[in-house]
PDB file of all heavy atoms in Angstrom:
ATOM      1  N   THR A   1      12.920  32.175  -9.498  1.00  0.00           N
ATOM      2  CA  THR A   1      11.921  32.260 -10.545  1.00  0.00           C
ATOM      3  C   THR A   1      11.763  30.903 -11.186  1.00  0.00           C
ATOM      4  O   THR A   1      12.683  30.094 -11.194  1.00  0.00           O
ATOM      5  CB  THR A   1      12.318  33.281 -11.638  1.00  0.00           C
ATOM      6  OG1 THR A   1      13.526  32.863 -12.239  1.00  0.00           O
ATOM      7  CG2 THR A   1      12.446  34.674 -11.072  1.00  0.00           C
ATOM      8  N   LEU A   2      10.584  30.652 -11.687  1.00  0.00           N
ATOM      9  CA  LEU A   2      10.308  29.423 -12.415  1.00  0.00           C
ATOM     10  C   LEU A   2       9.801  29.858 -13.770  1.00  0.00           C
ATOM     11  O   LEU A   2       8.868  30.636 -13.862  1.00  0.00           O
ATOM     12  CB  LEU A   2       9.256  28.600 -11.679  1.00  0.00           C
ATOM     13  CG  LEU A   2       8.861  27.282 -12.285  1.00  0.00           C
ATOM     14  CD1 LEU A   2      10.036  26.315 -12.242  1.00  0.00           C
ATOM     15  CD2 LEU A   2       7.693  26.694 -11.541  1.00  0.00           C
ATOM     16  N   SER A   3      10.443  29.414 -14.813  1.00  0.00           N
ATOM     17  CA  SER A   3      10.030  29.837 -16.137  1.00  0.00           C
ATOM     18  C   SER A   3      10.057  28.670 -17.098  1.00  0.00           C
ATOM     19  O   SER A   3      10.727  27.680 -16.876  1.00  0.00           O
ATOM     20  CB  SER A   3      10.941  30.958 -16.643  1.00  0.00           C
ATOM     21  OG  SER A   3      12.267  30.511 -16.690  1.00  0.00           O
ATOM     22  N   VAL A   4       9.288  28.824 -18.163  1.00  0.00           N
ATOM     23  CA  VAL A   4       9.254  27.803 -19.210  1.00  0.00           C
ATOM     24  C   VAL A   4       9.822  28.435 -20.462  1.00  0.00           C
ATOM     25  O   VAL A   4       9.411  29.513 -20.872  1.00  0.00           O
ATOM     26  CB  VAL A   4       7.819  27.321 -19.478  1.00  0.00           C
ATOM     27  CG1 VAL A   4       7.798  26.321 -20.612  1.00  0.00           C
ATOM     28  CG2 VAL A   4       7.211  26.729 -18.230  1.00  0.00           C
ATOM     29  N   ILE A   5      10.797  27.777 -21.056  1.00  0.00           N
ATOM     30  CA  ILE A   5      11.408  28.253 -22.284  1.00  0.00           C
ATOM     31  C   ILE A   5      11.199  27.168 -23.329  1.00  0.00           C
ATOM     32  O   ILE A   5      11.619  26.040 -23.136  1.00  0.00           O
ATOM     33  CB  ILE A   5      12.912  28.514 -22.091  1.00  0.00           C
ATOM     34  CG1 ILE A   5      13.129  29.545 -20.986  1.00  0.00           C
ATOM     35  CG2 ILE A   5      13.549  28.956 -23.397  1.00  0.00           C
ATOM     36  CD1 ILE A   5      14.553  29.629 -20.509  1.00  0.00           C
ATOM     37  N   CYS A   6      10.524  27.517 -24.403  1.00  0.00           N
ATOM     38  CA  CYS A   6      10.307  26.548 -25.476  1.00  0.00           C
ATOM     39  C   CYS A   6      11.081  27.001 -26.706  1.00  0.00           C
ATOM     40  O   CYS A   6      10.957  28.144 -27.135  1.00  0.00           O
ATOM     41  CB  CYS A   6       8.829  26.441 -25.816  1.00  0.00           C
ATOM     42  SG  CYS A   6       7.858  25.725 -24.491  1.00  0.00           S
ATOM     43  N   ILE A   7      11.886  26.101 -27.236  1.00  0.00           N
ATOM     44  CA  ILE A   7      12.649  26.360 -28.443  1.00  0.00           C
ATOM     45  C   ILE A   7      12.192  25.326 -29.458  1.00  0.00           C
ATOM     46  O   ILE A   7      12.362  24.135 -29.250  1.00  0.00           O
ATOM     47  CB  ILE A   7      14.157  26.219 -28.185  1.00  0.00           C
ATOM     48  CG1 ILE A   7      14.580  27.154 -27.051  1.00  0.00           C
ATOM     49  CG2 ILE A   7      14.941  26.492 -29.450  1.00  0.00           C
ATOM     50  CD1 ILE A   7      15.938  26.839 -26.495  1.00  0.00           C
ATOM     51  N   PHE A   8      11.593  25.807 -30.544  1.00  0.00           N
ATOM     52  CA  PHE A   8      11.056  24.879 -31.521  1.00  0.00           C
ATOM     53  C   PHE A   8      11.941  24.839 -32.748  1.00  0.00           C
ATOM     54  O   PHE A   8      12.511  25.831 -33.146  1.00  0.00           O
ATOM     55  CB  PHE A   8       9.630  25.282 -31.900  1.00  0.00           C
ATOM     56  CG  PHE A   8       8.685  25.199 -30.737  1.00  0.00           C
ATOM     57  CD1 PHE A   8       8.355  26.313 -30.004  1.00  0.00           C
ATOM     58  CD2 PHE A   8       8.178  23.975 -30.346  1.00  0.00           C
ATOM     59  CE1 PHE A   8       7.512  26.232 -28.926  1.00  0.00           C
ATOM     60  CE2 PHE A   8       7.334  23.882 -29.265  1.00  0.00           C
ATOM     61  CZ  PHE A   8       6.999  25.009 -28.554  1.00  0.00           C
ATOM     62  N   GLY A   9      12.030  23.688 -33.321  1.00  0.00           N
ATOM     63  CA  GLY A   9      12.837  23.475 -34.511  1.00  0.00           C
ATOM     64  C   GLY A   9      12.904  21.988 -34.760  1.00  0.00           C
ATOM     65  O   GLY A   9      12.045  21.237 -34.325  1.00  0.00           O
ATOM     66  N   ALA A  10      13.934  21.551 -35.391  1.00  0.00           N
ATOM     67  CA  ALA A  10      14.070  20.135 -35.720  1.00  0.00           C
ATOM     68  C   ALA A  10      14.080  19.267 -34.464  1.00  0.00           C
ATOM     69  O   ALA A  10      13.570  18.163 -34.475  1.00  0.00           O
ATOM     70  CB  ALA A  10      15.344  19.909 -36.524  1.00  0.00           C
ATOM     71  N   THR A  11      14.646  19.764 -33.392  1.00  0.00           N
ATOM     72  CA  THR A  11      14.690  18.989 -32.148  1.00  0.00           C
ATOM     73  C   THR A  11      13.984  19.757 -31.053  1.00  0.00           C
ATOM     74  O   THR A  11      14.479  19.855 -29.938  1.00  0.00           O
ATOM     75  CB  THR A  11      16.146  18.727 -31.725  1.00  0.00           C
ATOM     76  OG1 THR A  11      16.790  19.983 -31.500  1.00  0.00           O
ATOM     77  CG2 THR A  11      16.885  17.909 -32.755  1.00  0.00           C
ATOM     78  N   GLY A  12      12.804  20.300 -31.335  1.00  0.00           N
ATOM     79  CA  GLY A  12      12.082  21.157 -30.406  1.00  0.00           C
ATOM     80  C   GLY A  12      12.148  20.684 -28.961  1.00  0.00           C
ATOM     81  O   GLY A  12      11.960  19.522 -28.667  1.00  0.00           O
ATOM     82  N   THR A  13      12.438  21.595 -28.087  1.00  0.00           N
ATOM     83  CA  THR A  13      12.519  21.264 -26.676  1.00  0.00           C
ATOM     84  C   THR A  13      11.834  22.330 -25.848  1.00  0.00           C
ATOM     85  O   THR A  13      11.694  23.473 -26.270  1.00  0.00           O
ATOM     86  CB  THR A  13      13.984  21.171 -26.202  1.00  0.00           C
ATOM     87  OG1 THR A  13      14.608  22.428 -26.413  1.00  0.00           O
ATOM     88  CG2 THR A  13      14.731  20.076 -26.906  1.00  0.00           C
ATOM     89  N   CYS A  14      11.390  21.939 -24.672  1.00  0.00           N
ATOM     90  CA  CYS A  14      10.863  22.875 -23.687  1.00  0.00           C
ATOM     91  C   CYS A  14      11.647  22.666 -22.413  1.00  0.00           C
ATOM     92  O   CYS A  14      11.901  21.540 -22.012  1.00  0.00           O
ATOM     93  CB  CYS A  14       9.390  22.597 -23.388  1.00  0.00           C
ATOM     94  SG  CYS A  14       8.266  23.556 -24.369  1.00  0.00           S
ATOM     95  N   ILE A  15      12.032  23.737 -21.796  1.00  0.00           N
ATOM     96  CA  ILE A  15      12.796  23.654 -20.556  1.00  0.00           C
ATOM     97  C   ILE A  15      12.066  24.451 -19.499  1.00  0.00           C
ATOM     98  O   ILE A  15      11.696  25.598 -19.730  1.00  0.00           O
ATOM     99  CB  ILE A  15      14.206  24.251 -20.753  1.00  0.00           C
ATOM    100  CG1 ILE A  15      14.941  23.508 -21.867  1.00  0.00           C
ATOM    101  CG2 ILE A  15      14.980  24.231 -19.453  1.00  0.00           C
ATOM    102  CD1 ILE A  15      16.165  24.214 -22.369  1.00  0.00           C
ATOM    103  N   ILE A  16      11.839  23.854 -18.351  1.00  0.00           N
ATOM    104  CA  ILE A  16      11.301  24.586 -17.222  1.00  0.00           C
ATOM    105  C   ILE A  16      12.455  24.776 -16.276  1.00  0.00           C
ATOM    106  O   ILE A  16      13.099  23.808 -15.872  1.00  0.00           O
ATOM    107  CB  ILE A  16      10.152  23.830 -16.541  1.00  0.00           C
ATOM    108  CG1 ILE A  16       8.998  23.702 -17.525  1.00  0.00           C
ATOM    109  CG2 ILE A  16       9.725  24.556 -15.285  1.00  0.00           C
ATOM    110  CD1 ILE A  16       7.798  23.027 -16.982  1.00  0.00           C
ATOM    111  N   SER A  17      12.743  26.018 -15.956  1.00  0.00           N
ATOM    112  CA  SER A  17      13.914  26.258 -15.132  1.00  0.00           C
ATOM    113  C   SER A  17      13.541  26.936 -13.827  1.00  0.00           C
ATOM    114  O   SER A  17      12.687  27.791 -13.791  1.00  0.00           O
ATOM    115  CB  SER A  17      14.934  27.103 -15.881  1.00  0.00           C
ATOM    116  OG  SER A  17      14.401  28.379 -16.156  1.00  0.00           O
ATOM    117  N   ALA A  18      14.193  26.503 -12.779  1.00  0.00           N
ATOM    118  CA  ALA A  18      14.070  27.155 -11.483  1.00  0.00           C
ATOM    119  C   ALA A  18      15.418  27.796 -11.212  1.00  0.00           C
ATOM    120  O   ALA A  18      16.417  27.111 -11.077  1.00  0.00           O
ATOM    121  CB  ALA A  18      13.742  26.119 -10.406  1.00  0.00           C
ATOM    122  N   ASN A  19      15.452  29.096 -11.179  1.00  0.00           N
ATOM    123  CA  ASN A  19      16.709  29.811 -11.028  1.00  0.00           C
ATOM    124  C   ASN A  19      16.766  30.485  -9.671  1.00  0.00           C
ATOM    125  O   ASN A  19      15.826  31.140  -9.275  1.00  0.00           O
ATOM    126  CB  ASN A  19      16.852  30.876 -12.112  1.00  0.00           C
ATOM    127  CG  ASN A  19      16.819  30.265 -13.482  1.00  0.00           C
ATOM    128  OD1 ASN A  19      17.484  29.273 -13.724  1.00  0.00           O
ATOM    129  ND2 ASN A  19      16.031  30.826 -14.376  1.00  0.00           N
ATOM    130  N   ALA A  20      17.877  30.363  -9.013  1.00  0.00           N
ATOM    131  CA  ALA A  20      18.070  31.033  -7.740  1.00  0.00           C
ATOM    132  C   ALA A  20      19.188  32.046  -7.886  1.00  0.00           C
ATOM    133  O   ALA A  20      20.191  31.782  -8.523  1.00  0.00           O
ATOM    134  CB  ALA A  20      18.431  30.020  -6.650  1.00  0.00           C
ATOM    135  N   ALA A  21      19.004  33.204  -7.284  1.00  0.00           N
ATOM    136  CA  ALA A  21      20.014  34.251  -7.358  1.00  0.00           C
ATOM    137  C   ALA A  21      20.991  34.074  -6.205  1.00  0.00           C
ATOM    138  O   ALA A  21      20.928  34.746  -5.200  1.00  0.00           O
ATOM    139  CB  ALA A  21      19.341  35.618  -7.304  1.00  0.00           C
ATOM    140  N   GLN A  22      21.856  33.089  -6.346  1.00  0.00           N
ATOM    141  CA  GLN A  22      22.882  32.815  -5.341  1.00  0.00           C
ATOM    142  C   GLN A  22      23.912  31.903  -5.968  1.00  0.00           C
ATOM    143  O   GLN A  22      23.761  31.459  -7.086  1.00  0.00           O
ATOM    144  CB  GLN A  22      22.267  32.155  -4.107  1.00  0.00           C
ATOM    145  CG  GLN A  22      21.817  30.717  -4.365  1.00  0.00           C
ATOM    146  CD  GLN A  22      21.437  30.009  -3.090  1.00  0.00           C
ATOM    147  OE1 GLN A  22      20.891  30.612  -2.201  1.00  0.00           O
ATOM    148  NE2 GLN A  22      21.742  28.750  -3.001  1.00  0.00           N
ATOM    149  N   SER A  23      24.962  31.590  -5.222  1.00  0.00           N
ATOM    150  CA  SER A  23      25.982  30.690  -5.742  1.00  0.00           C
ATOM    151  C   SER A  23      25.428  29.268  -5.790  1.00  0.00           C
ATOM    152  O   SER A  23      24.446  28.945  -5.142  1.00  0.00           O
ATOM    153  CB  SER A  23      27.217  30.755  -4.851  1.00  0.00           C
ATOM    154  OG  SER A  23      26.891  30.364  -3.539  1.00  0.00           O
ATOM    155  N   LYS A  24      26.098  28.411  -6.557  1.00  0.00           N
ATOM    156  CA  LYS A  24      25.657  27.026  -6.709  1.00  0.00           C
ATOM    157  C   LYS A  24      25.599  26.310  -5.370  1.00  0.00           C
ATOM    158  O   LYS A  24      26.479  26.431  -4.545  1.00  0.00           O
ATOM    159  CB  LYS A  24      26.597  26.259  -7.649  1.00  0.00           C
ATOM    160  CG  LYS A  24      26.390  26.621  -9.087  1.00  0.00           C
ATOM    161  CD  LYS A  24      25.084  26.076  -9.568  1.00  0.00           C
ATOM    162  CE  LYS A  24      24.845  26.343 -11.026  1.00  0.00           C
ATOM    163  NZ  LYS A  24      23.522  25.989 -11.444  1.00  0.00           N
ATOM    164  N   ASN A  25      24.525  25.576  -5.169  1.00  0.00           N
ATOM    165  CA  ASN A  25      24.297  24.824  -3.945  1.00  0.00           C
ATOM    166  C   ASN A  25      23.729  23.475  -4.368  1.00  0.00           C
ATOM    167  O   ASN A  25      22.554  23.199  -4.152  1.00  0.00           O
ATOM    168  CB  ASN A  25      23.324  25.590  -3.039  1.00  0.00           C
ATOM    169  CG  ASN A  25      23.185  24.946  -1.683  1.00  0.00           C
ATOM    170  OD1 ASN A  25      23.968  24.080  -1.308  1.00  0.00           O
ATOM    171  ND2 ASN A  25      22.176  25.353  -0.953  1.00  0.00           N
ATOM    172  N   THR A  26      24.541  22.660  -5.035  1.00  0.00           N
ATOM    173  CA  THR A  26      24.052  21.421  -5.623  1.00  0.00           C
ATOM    174  C   THR A  26      24.111  20.220  -4.689  1.00  0.00           C
ATOM    175  O   THR A  26      23.516  19.194  -4.984  1.00  0.00           O
ATOM    176  CB  THR A  26      24.837  21.100  -6.912  1.00  0.00           C
ATOM    177  OG1 THR A  26      26.230  21.060  -6.601  1.00  0.00           O
ATOM    178  CG2 THR A  26      24.584  22.153  -7.975  1.00  0.00           C
ATOM    179  N   ASP A  27      24.823  20.324  -3.562  1.00  0.00           N
ATOM    180  CA  ASP A  27      24.855  19.230  -2.597  1.00  0.00           C
ATOM    181  C   ASP A  27      23.608  19.278  -1.730  1.00  0.00           C
ATOM    182  O   ASP A  27      23.168  20.360  -1.337  1.00  0.00           O
ATOM    183  CB  ASP A  27      26.091  19.331  -1.689  1.00  0.00           C
ATOM    184  CG  ASP A  27      27.384  19.095  -2.456  1.00  0.00           C
ATOM    185  OD1 ASP A  27      27.346  18.337  -3.443  1.00  0.00           O
ATOM    186  OD2 ASP A  27      28.407  19.683  -2.065  1.00  0.00           O
ATOM    187  N   PRO A  28      23.018  18.114  -1.417  1.00  0.00           N
ATOM    188  CA  PRO A  28      21.827  18.121  -0.564  1.00  0.00           C
ATOM    189  C   PRO A  28      22.154  18.734   0.800  1.00  0.00           C
ATOM    190  O   PRO A  28      23.287  18.641   1.274  1.00  0.00           O
ATOM    191  CB  PRO A  28      21.466  16.649  -0.405  1.00  0.00           C
ATOM    192  CG  PRO A  28      22.353  15.889  -1.302  1.00  0.00           C
ATOM    193  CD  PRO A  28      23.436  16.780  -1.794  1.00  0.00           C
ATOM    194  N   PRO A  29      21.163  19.366   1.421  1.00  0.00           N
ATOM    195  CA  PRO A  29      21.394  19.920   2.756  1.00  0.00           C
ATOM    196  C   PRO A  29      21.882  18.816   3.701  1.00  0.00           C
ATOM    197  O   PRO A  29      21.371  17.692   3.688  1.00  0.00           O
ATOM    198  CB  PRO A  29      20.018  20.439   3.172  1.00  0.00           C
ATOM    199  CG  PRO A  29      19.308  20.683   1.871  1.00  0.00           C
ATOM    200  CD  PRO A  29      19.815  19.631   0.938  1.00  0.00           C
ATOM    201  N   ALA A  30      22.874  19.133   4.516  1.00  0.00           N
ATOM    202  CA  ALA A  30      23.449  18.162   5.458  1.00  0.00           C
ATOM    203  C   ALA A  30      22.363  17.607   6.369  1.00  0.00           C
ATOM    204  O   ALA A  30      21.469  18.328   6.805  1.00  0.00           O
ATOM    205  CB  ALA A  30      24.545  18.830   6.283  1.00  0.00           C
ATOM    206  N   MET A  31      22.447  16.311   6.611  1.00  0.00           N
ATOM    207  CA  MET A  31      21.536  15.617   7.532  1.00  0.00           C
ATOM    208  C   MET A  31      20.073  15.615   7.072  1.00  0.00           C
ATOM    209  O   MET A  31      19.175  15.390   7.848  1.00  0.00           O
ATOM    210  CB  MET A  31      21.625  16.211   8.938  1.00  0.00           C
ATOM    211  CG  MET A  31      23.033  16.318   9.488  1.00  0.00           C
ATOM    212  SD  MET A  31      23.740  14.750   9.977  1.00  0.00           S
ATOM    213  CE  MET A  31      22.922  14.525  11.538  1.00  0.00           C
TER     214      MET A  31
END
């Protein structure tokens, strides 16, 4: 899923997140 979360306040931020329903896979694909 891709979603946008905006939290406004003194340090207002917006976060766009891409979430995958699986274990962490942070290393680039081999080769």
